[in-house]
C-alpha atoms as a PDB file:
ATOM      1  CA  MET A   1      60.014 155.754  60.906  1.00  0.00           C
ATOM      2  CA  LYS A   2      60.774 154.701  57.332  1.00  0.00           C
ATOM      3  CA  LEU A   3      62.020 151.309  56.205  1.00  0.00           C
ATOM      4  CA  ASP A   4      63.260 150.301  52.755  1.00  0.00           C
ATOM      5  CA  ILE A   5      63.248 146.588  51.933  1.00  0.00           C
ATOM      6  CA  VAL A   6      65.845 145.851  49.273  1.00  0.00           C
ATOM      7  CA  LEU A   7      64.731 142.821  47.259  1.00  0.00           C
ATOM      8  CA  ILE A   8      67.714 141.468  45.294  1.00  0.00           C
ATOM      9  CA  THR A   9      66.861 139.051  42.480  1.00  0.00           C
ATOM     10  CA  TYR A  10      68.315 137.358  39.451  1.00  0.00           C
ATOM     11  CA  ASN A  11      66.768 134.373  37.620  1.00  0.00           C
ATOM     12  CA  GLN A  12      64.963 133.050  40.709  1.00  0.00           C
ATOM     13  CA  THR A  13      61.618 131.936  39.278  1.00  0.00           C
ATOM     14  CA  GLN A  14      61.621 128.744  41.370  1.00  0.00           C
ATOM     15  CA  TYR A  15      62.308 130.603  44.654  1.00  0.00           C
ATOM     16  CA  ILE A  16      60.903 134.111  44.494  1.00  0.00           C
ATOM     17  CA  ALA A  17      57.321 133.248  45.472  1.00  0.00           C
ATOM     18  CA  GLN A  18      58.516 131.836  48.798  1.00  0.00           C
ATOM     19  CA  ALA A  19      60.571 134.969  49.419  1.00  0.00           C
ATOM     20  CA  LEU A  20      57.546 137.168  48.622  1.00  0.00           C
ATOM     21  CA  ASP A  21      55.231 135.122  50.857  1.00  0.00           C
ATOM     22  CA  GLY A  22      57.593 135.812  53.759  1.00  0.00           C
ATOM     23  CA  LEU A  23      57.744 139.478  52.826  1.00  0.00           C
ATOM     24  CA  ILE A  24      54.039 140.223  52.545  1.00  0.00           C
ATOM     25  CA  MET A  25      53.246 138.421  55.809  1.00  0.00           C
ATOM     26  CA  GLN A  26      55.393 140.903  57.750  1.00  0.00           C
ATOM     27  CA  ARG A  27      53.594 142.812  60.503  1.00  0.00           C
ATOM     28  CA  VAL A  28      55.005 146.208  61.367  1.00  0.00           C
ATOM     29  CA  ASN A  29      53.796 148.970  63.663  1.00  0.00           C
ATOM     30  CA  PRO A  30      51.420 151.574  62.181  1.00  0.00           C
ATOM     31  CA  ASP A  31      54.067 154.274  62.452  1.00  0.00           C
ATOM     32  CA  VAL A  32      56.484 152.371  60.178  1.00  0.00           C
ATOM     33  CA  GLU A  33      56.333 153.436  56.545  1.00  0.00           C
ATOM     34  CA  VAL A  34      57.606 150.603  54.362  1.00  0.00           C
ATOM     35  CA  ARG A  35      58.431 150.345  50.687  1.00  0.00           C
ATOM     36  CA  VAL A  36      59.994 147.508  48.691  1.00  0.00           C
ATOM     37  CA  ILE A  37      62.838 148.403  46.326  1.00  0.00           C
ATOM     38  CA  VAL A  38      63.012 145.702  43.662  1.00  0.00           C
ATOM     39  CA  ALA A  39      66.571 145.414  42.314  1.00  0.00           C
ATOM     40  CA  ASP A  40      66.370 142.734  39.657  1.00  0.00           C
ATOM     41  CA  ASP A  41      69.618 142.251  37.750  1.00  0.00           C
ATOM     42  CA  ALA A  42      68.050 141.766  34.281  1.00  0.00           C
ATOM     43  CA  SER A  43      66.569 138.332  34.916  1.00  0.00           C
ATOM     44  CA  MET A  44      65.932 136.262  31.801  1.00  0.00           C
ATOM     45  CA  ASP A  45      63.126 134.218  33.354  1.00  0.00           C
ATOM     46  CA  ASP A  46      59.768 135.089  34.968  1.00  0.00           C
ATOM     47  CA  THR A  47      61.170 136.475  38.226  1.00  0.00           C
ATOM     48  CA  VAL A  48      59.930 140.043  37.681  1.00  0.00           C
ATOM     49  CA  ALA A  49      56.539 138.886  36.399  1.00  0.00           C
ATOM     50  CA  ILE A  50      56.022 136.857  39.579  1.00  0.00           C
ATOM     51  CA  ILE A  51      57.026 139.845  41.708  1.00  0.00           C
ATOM     52  CA  ARG A  52      54.483 142.028  39.890  1.00  0.00           C
ATOM     53  CA  SER A  53      51.784 139.422  40.496  1.00  0.00           C
ATOM     54  CA  TYR A  54      52.262 139.876  44.250  1.00  0.00           C
ATOM     55  CA  GLU A  55      51.778 143.642  44.309  1.00  0.00           C
ATOM     56  CA  ALA A  56      48.007 143.463  44.812  1.00  0.00           C
ATOM     57  CA  GLN A  57      48.496 141.263  47.896  1.00  0.00           C
ATOM     58  CA  SER A  58      51.285 143.342  49.399  1.00  0.00           C
ATOM     59  CA  PRO A  59      50.664 145.842  52.199  1.00  0.00           C
ATOM     60  CA  PHE A  60      53.778 147.688  50.977  1.00  0.00           C
ATOM     61  CA  PRO A  61      54.349 149.553  47.684  1.00  0.00           C
ATOM     62  CA  PHE A  62      56.912 148.182  45.212  1.00  0.00           C
ATOM     63  CA  ILE A  63      59.488 150.430  43.530  1.00  0.00           C
ATOM     64  CA  TYR A  64      61.248 148.902  40.509  1.00  0.00           C
ATOM     65  CA  LEU A  65      64.780 149.926  39.602  1.00  0.00           C
ATOM     66  CA  PRO A  66      65.299 149.863  35.817  1.00  0.00           C
ATOM     67  CA  GLN A  67      67.882 147.454  34.485  1.00  0.00           C
ATOM     68  CA  GLU A  68      68.432 146.390  30.895  1.00  0.00           C
ATOM     69  CA  ALA A  69      71.726 144.521  31.218  1.00  0.00           C
ATOM     70  CA  ASN A  70      73.176 142.270  33.891  1.00  0.00           C
ATOM     71  CA  MET A  71      75.658 144.118  36.107  1.00  0.00           C
ATOM     72  CA  GLY A  72      76.561 141.504  38.741  1.00  0.00           C
ATOM     73  CA  HIS A  73      75.443 141.232  42.342  1.00  0.00           C
ATOM     74  CA  VAL A  74      77.855 143.794  43.855  1.00  0.00           C
ATOM     75  CA  LEU A  75      76.895 146.656  41.548  1.00  0.00           C
ATOM     76  CA  ASN A  76      73.254 145.620  41.785  1.00  0.00           C
ATOM     77  CA  TYR A  77      73.487 146.074  45.545  1.00  0.00           C
ATOM     78  CA  LYS A  78      75.260 149.399  45.086  1.00  0.00           C
ATOM     79  CA  ARG A  79      72.427 150.890  43.017  1.00  0.00           C
ATOM     80  CA  ALA A  80      69.804 149.392  45.350  1.00  0.00           C
ATOM     81  CA  PHE A  81      71.416 150.952  48.434  1.00  0.00           C
ATOM     82  CA  ALA A  82      71.760 154.272  46.607  1.00  0.00           C
ATOM     83  CA  ALA A  83      67.971 154.277  46.103  1.00  0.00           C
ATOM     84  CA  CYS A  84      67.300 153.870  49.843  1.00  0.00           C
ATOM     85  CA  THR A  85      66.074 156.980  51.652  1.00  0.00           C
ATOM     86  CA  GLY A  86      64.509 155.466  54.762  1.00  0.00           C
ATOM     87  CA  ASP A  87      65.843 155.351  58.297  1.00  0.00           C
ATOM     88  CA  TYR A  88      66.556 151.640  58.000  1.00  0.00           C
ATOM     89  CA  VAL A  89      67.298 149.160  55.227  1.00  0.00           C
ATOM     90  CA  ALA A  90      66.303 145.487  55.311  1.00  0.00           C
ATOM     91  CA  ILE A  91      67.746 143.006  52.812  1.00  0.00           C
ATOM     92  CA  LEU A  92      65.960 140.070  51.213  1.00  0.00           C
ATOM     93  CA  GLU A  93      67.704 137.993  48.567  1.00  0.00           C
ATOM     94  CA  GLY A  94      65.349 136.245  46.174  1.00  0.00           C
ATOM     95  CA  ASP A  95      66.261 132.678  47.157  1.00  0.00           C
ATOM     96  CA  ASP A  96      65.892 133.203  50.928  1.00  0.00           C
ATOM     97  CA  TRP A  97      62.781 133.853  52.997  1.00  0.00           C
ATOM     98  CA  TRP A  98      61.600 135.290  56.307  1.00  0.00           C
ATOM     99  CA  CYS A  99      59.761 132.739  58.447  1.00  0.00           C
ATOM    100  CA  ASN A 100      58.534 134.969  61.270  1.00  0.00           C
ATOM    101  CA  PRO A 101      55.886 137.699  60.659  1.00  0.00           C
ATOM    102  CA  TYR A 102      57.686 139.981  63.134  1.00  0.00           C
ATOM    103  CA  HIS A 103      61.140 139.519  61.625  1.00  0.00           C
ATOM    104  CA  LEU A 104      61.327 143.169  60.560  1.00  0.00           C
ATOM    105  CA  GLN A 105      59.711 144.714  63.604  1.00  0.00           C
ATOM    106  CA  LYS A 106      61.982 142.840  66.013  1.00  0.00           C
ATOM    107  CA  HIS A 107      65.064 144.269  64.300  1.00  0.00           C
ATOM    108  CA  LEU A 108      63.559 147.757  64.058  1.00  0.00           C
ATOM    109  CA  ASP A 109      62.682 147.787  67.761  1.00  0.00           C
ATOM    110  CA  PHE A 110      66.198 146.752  68.694  1.00  0.00           C
ATOM    111  CA  LEU A 111      67.917 149.323  66.494  1.00  0.00           C
ATOM    112  CA  ASP A 112      65.562 152.062  67.649  1.00  0.00           C
ATOM    113  CA  GLU A 113      66.429 151.309  71.273  1.00  0.00           C
ATOM    114  CA  HIS A 114      70.176 150.882  70.699  1.00  0.00           C
ATOM    115  CA  ARG A 115      71.492 153.881  68.821  1.00  0.00           C
ATOM    116  CA  GLU A 116      75.069 152.636  69.120  1.00  0.00           C
ATOM    117  CA  CYS A 117      74.202 149.701  66.831  1.00  0.00           C
ATOM    118  CA  VAL A 118      74.271 150.032  63.035  1.00  0.00           C
ATOM    119  CA  LEU A 119      73.214 146.510  62.106  1.00  0.00           C
ATOM    120  CA  SER A 120      70.887 143.929  63.615  1.00  0.00           C
ATOM    121  CA  ALA A 121      71.105 140.380  62.255  1.00  0.00           C
ATOM    122  CA  ASN A 122      69.414 137.170  63.308  1.00  0.00           C
ATOM    123  CA  ARG A 123      70.666 133.612  63.300  1.00  0.00           C
ATOM    124  CA  PRO A 124      69.183 131.936  60.229  1.00  0.00           C
ATOM    125  CA  CYS A 125      68.184 128.339  59.726  1.00  0.00           C
ATOM    126  CA  ARG A 126      70.060 126.896  56.775  1.00  0.00           C
ATOM    127  CA  TYR A 127      67.936 125.000  54.291  1.00  0.00           C
ATOM    128  CA  TYR A 128      69.998 122.490  52.325  1.00  0.00           C
ATOM    129  CA  GLU A 129      68.073 122.129  49.123  1.00  0.00           C
ATOM    130  CA  GLN A 130      69.807 118.963  47.950  1.00  0.00           C
ATOM    131  CA  THR A 131      68.947 116.968  51.103  1.00  0.00           C
ATOM    132  CA  ASN A 132      65.816 118.912  52.145  1.00  0.00           C
ATOM    133  CA  GLU A 133      67.294 119.510  55.606  1.00  0.00           C
ATOM    134  CA  PHE A 134      66.866 122.497  57.935  1.00  0.00           C
ATOM    135  CA  VAL A 135      69.882 123.108  60.170  1.00  0.00           C
ATOM    136  CA  PRO A 136      70.121 126.105  62.562  1.00  0.00           C
ATOM    137  CA  SER A 137      73.306 128.101  62.114  1.00  0.00           C
ATOM    138  CA  PHE A 138      75.934 127.993  64.824  1.00  0.00           C
ATOM    139  CA  TYR A 139      75.346 130.206  67.837  1.00  0.00           C
ATOM    140  CA  ARG A 140      78.219 130.627  70.253  1.00  0.00           C
ATOM    141  CA  ASP A 141      76.252 130.798  73.527  1.00  0.00           C
ATOM    142  CA  GLU A 142      72.645 129.598  73.751  1.00  0.00           C
ATOM    143  CA  HIS A 143      72.254 131.402  77.091  1.00  0.00           C
ATOM    144  CA  LEU A 144      72.656 134.814  75.420  1.00  0.00           C
ATOM    145  CA  PRO A 145      69.749 136.380  73.494  1.00  0.00           C
ATOM    146  CA  ASN A 146      72.254 138.321  71.375  1.00  0.00           C
ATOM    147  CA  TYR A 147      75.872 139.412  71.262  1.00  0.00           C
ATOM    148  CA  ALA A 148      77.979 142.141  69.674  1.00  0.00           C
ATOM    149  CA  ILE A 149      80.437 141.355  66.892  1.00  0.00           C
ATOM    150  CA  THR A 150      83.661 143.348  66.981  1.00  0.00           C
ATOM    151  CA  LEU A 151      85.491 144.578  63.903  1.00  0.00           C
ATOM    152  CA  GLU A 152      88.318 142.131  64.590  1.00  0.00           C
ATOM    153  CA  GLN A 153      85.896 139.194  64.855  1.00  0.00           C
ATOM    154  CA  GLN A 154      84.114 140.159  61.653  1.00  0.00           C
ATOM    155  CA  ILE A 155      87.386 140.365  59.725  1.00  0.00           C
ATOM    156  CA  ALA A 156      88.564 137.017  61.101  1.00  0.00           C
ATOM    157  CA  ASN A 157      85.409 134.968  60.709  1.00  0.00           C
ATOM    158  CA  ASN A 158      82.766 136.699  58.568  1.00  0.00           C
ATOM    159  CA  CYS A 159      80.391 136.167  61.486  1.00  0.00           C
ATOM    160  CA  ILE A 160      77.071 137.109  59.846  1.00  0.00           C
ATOM    161  CA  ASP A 161      75.748 134.186  57.861  1.00  0.00           C
ATOM    162  CA  ASN A 162      73.596 135.821  55.263  1.00  0.00           C
ATOM    163  CA  LEU A 163      72.513 139.274  54.066  1.00  0.00           C
ATOM    164  CA  SER A 164      68.825 138.339  54.287  1.00  0.00           C
ATOM    165  CA  THR A 165      69.185 138.341  58.079  1.00  0.00           C
ATOM    166  CA  CYS A 166      70.173 142.008  58.200  1.00  0.00           C
ATOM    167  CA  VAL A 167      68.444 145.288  58.997  1.00  0.00           C
ATOM    168  CA  ILE A 168      70.857 148.233  58.736  1.00  0.00           C
ATOM    169  CA  ARG A 169      70.799 151.824  59.933  1.00  0.00           C
ATOM    170  CA  ASN A 170      70.752 153.728  56.654  1.00  0.00           C
ATOM    171  CA  SER A 171      72.884 156.650  57.845  1.00  0.00           C
ATOM    172  CA  ALA A 172      75.735 154.176  58.451  1.00  0.00           C
ATOM    173  CA  LEU A 173      75.106 152.353  55.186  1.00  0.00           C
ATOM    174  CA  GLN A 174      75.330 155.546  53.146  1.00  0.00           C
ATOM    175  CA  ALA A 175      78.523 156.585  54.967  1.00  0.00           C
ATOM    176  CA  ILE A 176      80.611 153.476  54.203  1.00  0.00           C
ATOM    177  CA  ASP A 177      83.589 153.743  51.894  1.00  0.00           C
ATOM    178  CA  SER A 178      82.592 153.282  48.244  1.00  0.00           C
ATOM    179  CA  CYS A 179      85.569 150.958  47.774  1.00  0.00           C
ATOM    180  CA  VAL A 180      83.458 148.077  49.139  1.00  0.00           C
ATOM    181  CA  TYR A 181      81.686 147.982  45.783  1.00  0.00           C
ATOM    182  CA  GLU A 182      84.973 147.232  44.038  1.00  0.00           C
ATOM    183  CA  SER A 183      85.087 143.822  45.720  1.00  0.00           C
ATOM    184  CA  ASP A 184      84.107 140.487  44.190  1.00  0.00           C
ATOM    185  CA  LEU A 185      81.940 139.404  47.113  1.00  0.00           C
ATOM    186  CA  LEU A 186      79.965 141.991  49.036  1.00  0.00           C
ATOM    187  CA  ASP A 187      78.634 140.624  52.311  1.00  0.00           C
ATOM    188  CA  TRP A 188      81.907 140.133  54.197  1.00  0.00           C
ATOM    189  CA  ILE A 189      83.448 143.516  53.340  1.00  0.00           C
ATOM    190  CA  LEU A 190      80.081 145.274  53.755  1.00  0.00           C
ATOM    191  CA  HIS A 191      79.860 144.071  57.335  1.00  0.00           C
ATOM    192  CA  ILE A 192      83.490 145.027  57.947  1.00  0.00           C
ATOM    193  CA  ALA A 193      82.809 148.544  56.643  1.00  0.00           C
ATOM    194  CA  LEU A 194      79.694 148.815  58.822  1.00  0.00           C
ATOM    195  CA  SER A 195      81.749 147.679  61.835  1.00  0.00           C
ATOM    196  CA  GLU A 196      83.776 150.845  61.374  1.00  0.00           C
ATOM    197  CA  LYS A 197      80.580 152.856  61.985  1.00  0.00           C
ATOM    198  CA  GLY A 198      79.157 151.077  65.028  1.00  0.00           C
ATOM    199  CA  LEU A 199      78.220 147.776  66.620  1.00  0.00           C
ATOM    200  CA  LEU A 200      76.862 144.761  64.762  1.00  0.00           C
ATOM    201  CA  ILE A 201      74.441 142.684  66.842  1.00  0.00           C
ATOM    202  CA  TYR A 202      73.704 138.994  66.231  1.00  0.00           C
ATOM    203  CA  HIS A 203      70.468 137.591  67.688  1.00  0.00           C
ATOM    204  CA  ARG A 204      69.868 134.010  68.778  1.00  0.00           C
ATOM    205  CA  GLU A 205      66.255 133.845  67.577  1.00  0.00           C
ATOM    206  CA  ILE A 206      65.754 132.333  64.124  1.00  0.00           C
ATOM    207  CA  THR A 207      63.449 134.485  61.989  1.00  0.00           C
ATOM    208  CA  SER A 208      64.745 133.734  58.473  1.00  0.00           C
ATOM    209  CA  ILE A 209      65.791 130.853  56.242  1.00  0.00           C
ATOM    210  CA  TYR A 210      69.038 130.813  54.276  1.00  0.00           C
ATOM    211  CA  ARG A 211      68.767 128.573  51.227  1.00  0.00           C
ATOM    212  CA  VAL A 212      71.948 126.627  50.425  1.00  0.00           C
ATOM    213  CA  CYS A 213      71.825 125.489  46.804  1.00  0.00           C
ATOM    214  CA  SER A 214      74.013 122.601  45.677  1.00  0.00           C
ATOM    215  CA  ASP A 215      75.055 124.516  42.565  1.00  0.00           C
ATOM    216  CA  GLY A 216      75.622 127.827  44.363  1.00  0.00           C
ATOM    217  CA  ILE A 217      78.785 129.813  43.646  1.00  0.00           C
ATOM    218  CA  TRP A 218      80.043 129.213  47.199  1.00  0.00           C
ATOM    219  CA  SER A 219      78.316 125.994  48.277  1.00  0.00           C
ATOM    220  CA  SER A 220      79.553 124.088  45.218  1.00  0.00           C
ATOM    221  CA  LYS A 221      83.204 124.622  46.249  1.00  0.00           C
ATOM    222  CA  ASN A 222      85.074 122.034  48.300  1.00  0.00           C
ATOM    223  CA  ALA A 223      86.834 122.938  51.552  1.00  0.00           C
ATOM    224  CA  GLU A 224      90.208 123.651  49.932  1.00  0.00           C
ATOM    225  CA  LEU A 225      88.733 125.908  47.248  1.00  0.00           C
ATOM    226  CA  LYS A 226      86.794 127.798  49.935  1.00  0.00           C
ATOM    227  CA  ARG A 227      90.004 128.251  51.934  1.00  0.00           C
ATOM    228  CA  GLN A 228      91.849 129.598  48.902  1.00  0.00           C
ATOM    229  CA  GLU A 229      88.974 131.926  48.052  1.00  0.00           C
ATOM    230  CA  ASN A 230      88.854 133.239  51.611  1.00  0.00           C
ATOM    231  CA  ILE A 231      92.562 134.057  51.501  1.00  0.00           C
ATOM    232  CA  ARG A 232      92.133 135.854  48.183  1.00  0.00           C
ATOM    233  CA  LEU A 233      89.234 137.901  49.567  1.00  0.00           C
ATOM    234  CA  ILE A 234      91.103 138.737  52.777  1.00  0.00           C
ATOM    235  CA  ARG A 235      93.986 140.151  50.725  1.00  0.00           C
ATOM    236  CA  GLN A 236      91.601 142.032  48.448  1.00  0.00           C
ATOM    237  CA  TYR A 237      89.689 143.557  51.360  1.00  0.00           C
ATOM    238  CA  ASP A 238      92.915 144.578  53.105  1.00  0.00           C
ATOM    239  CA  MET A 239      93.983 146.413  49.951  1.00  0.00           C
ATOM    240  CA  LEU A 240      90.575 148.045  49.345  1.00  0.00           C
ATOM    241  CA  LEU A 241      90.445 149.299  52.939  1.00  0.00           C
ATOM    242  CA  LYS A 242      93.912 150.797  52.432  1.00  0.00           C
ATOM    243  CA  GLY A 243      95.586 148.790  55.183  1.00  0.00           C
ATOM    244  CA  ARG A 244      93.541 150.413  57.967  1.00  0.00           C
ATOM    245  CA  TRP A 245      93.087 147.033  59.650  1.00  0.00           C
ATOM    246  CA  HIS A 246      96.113 145.251  58.262  1.00  0.00           C
ATOM    247  CA  LYS A 247      97.018 143.543  61.543  1.00  0.00           C
ATOM    248  CA  TYR A 248      93.530 142.014  61.731  1.00  0.00           C
ATOM    249  CA  PHE A 249      93.681 140.825  58.125  1.00  0.00           C
ATOM    250  CA  ILE A 250      97.090 139.231  58.755  1.00  0.00           C
ATOM    251  CA  THR A 251      95.553 137.302  61.655  1.00  0.00           C
ATOM    252  CA  ALA A 252      92.554 136.360  59.503  1.00  0.00           C
ATOM    253  CA  GLU A 253      94.821 134.977  56.779  1.00  0.00           C
ATOM    254  CA  ARG A 254      96.814 133.035  59.352  1.00  0.00           C
ATOM    255  CA  LEU A 255      93.597 131.419  60.608  1.00  0.00           C
ATOM    256  CA  GLN A 256      92.893 130.183  57.074  1.00  0.00           C
ATOM    257  CA  GLN A 257      96.155 128.260  56.885  1.00  0.00           C
ATOM    258  CA  PRO A 258      96.012 124.465  57.413  1.00  0.00           C
ATOM    259  CA  HIS A 259      96.683 123.576  61.023  1.00  0.00           C
ATOM    260  CA  LYS A 260     100.147 122.106  61.551  1.00  0.00           C
ATOM    261  CA  ARG A 261     100.339 119.833  64.561  1.00  0.00           C
ATOM    262  CA  THR A 262     102.920 120.645  67.217  1.00  0.00           C
ATOM    263  CA  PHE A 263     105.385 118.089  68.570  1.00  0.00           C
ATOM    264  CA  TYR A 264     103.137 117.530  71.597  1.00  0.00           C
ATOM    265  CA  GLU A 265     100.049 117.041  69.430  1.00  0.00           C
ATOM    266  CA  ARG A 266     101.918 114.483  67.308  1.00  0.00           C
ATOM    267  CA  LEU A 267     103.183 112.729  70.450  1.00  0.00           C
ATOM    268  CA  LEU A 268      99.650 112.641  71.896  1.00  0.00           C
ATOM    269  CA  GLY A 269      98.390 111.081  68.670  1.00  0.00           C
ATOM    270  CA  ILE A 270     101.057 108.362  68.853  1.00  0.00           C
ATOM    271  CA  LEU A 271     100.175 107.624  72.483  1.00  0.00           C
ATOM    272  CA  LYS A 272      96.465 107.383  71.665  1.00  0.00           C
ATOM    273  CA  ARG A 273      97.133 104.929  68.863  1.00  0.00           C
ATOM    274  CA  PHE A 274      99.457 102.898  71.158  1.00  0.00           C
ATOM    275  CA  CYS A 275      96.803 102.755  73.902  1.00  0.00           C
ATOM    276  CA  ARG A 276      94.184 101.449  71.482  1.00  0.00           C
ATOM    277  CA  LYS A 277      96.364  98.468  70.556  1.00  0.00           C
END
C-alpha cells in the first residue's frame, strides 16, 4: 500500500514545526510505503528551510515540488494532487497538526476495509489562537463512532471541517472533474466532487487539530460576510458543476437566507414576553 502525504504551505514559519512534529510521529504498518509531497507556494519566509531541517528526523522521504512564483492555494493543491501516485492521499496544511500517532493508520485501515468509501475524515479539535482555547468540533451523535455524509448534506452544510482531517482514495481524487480547480475555495467543492464518486465518512474520534487564526481569510469575517460568501460560493459551485445538482444548491442557498419568523413564532414571542411581566 502506498500513501502520499500532501503538505501544503505558505509563509507558515511560526506554525510549520508543530505540523511536522505531528507528521514525523506517525506510526504506520510496515507494508505502508509513505512519502511526503511538499507543495510550498513560494513562501517568502523560512518555511521551506524549517521543513528541510526535519528531513533527517523523518521516517518518510520528502519530495519537493518546484515553485518560483505564488499561484494561490487552489492551483497549489491542483499541482500537489497531480503529483500523487499512491493508493491514498493524506492532506496536512502547514498551520494544522495531527495529535494522534495513529491518525494516518486509522484512516488507512478504514478505507482499506470499506471500498465503497472514497474519503475518511476525523472530527478535529479547533484551536482558537487568539484565546488559546481548544474546542472539539460539533458531532451530531456521540453514540456513533462514525457516519456517512451524503452528497446533498455536503452541498447544504460543507460537513467536513478541515482538509487536514482527510485521507482520500487516490483513484477517486484523480477522477474528479477538473472544474473544481476553477473555484475560489477548494475544500467545499472538492468534497462535493468526491461525493459523486463514493461515500464520505466522518469519524467521532479527534486525531487532529484545526488552527483558527484571528486574521484568517475566513475566521476574520463576521457572520453576515460569511453568509454572503457562502451564497456566492454555492452559486459558483452550481455553475462549475454544470447544474448537475442544481436542486441541492437551491436548497443550500435557501438555508443561508436569514430566518424569517412565522406568525406563530411571532405570537409565541409576544406571549413569552407577556408571561415574564
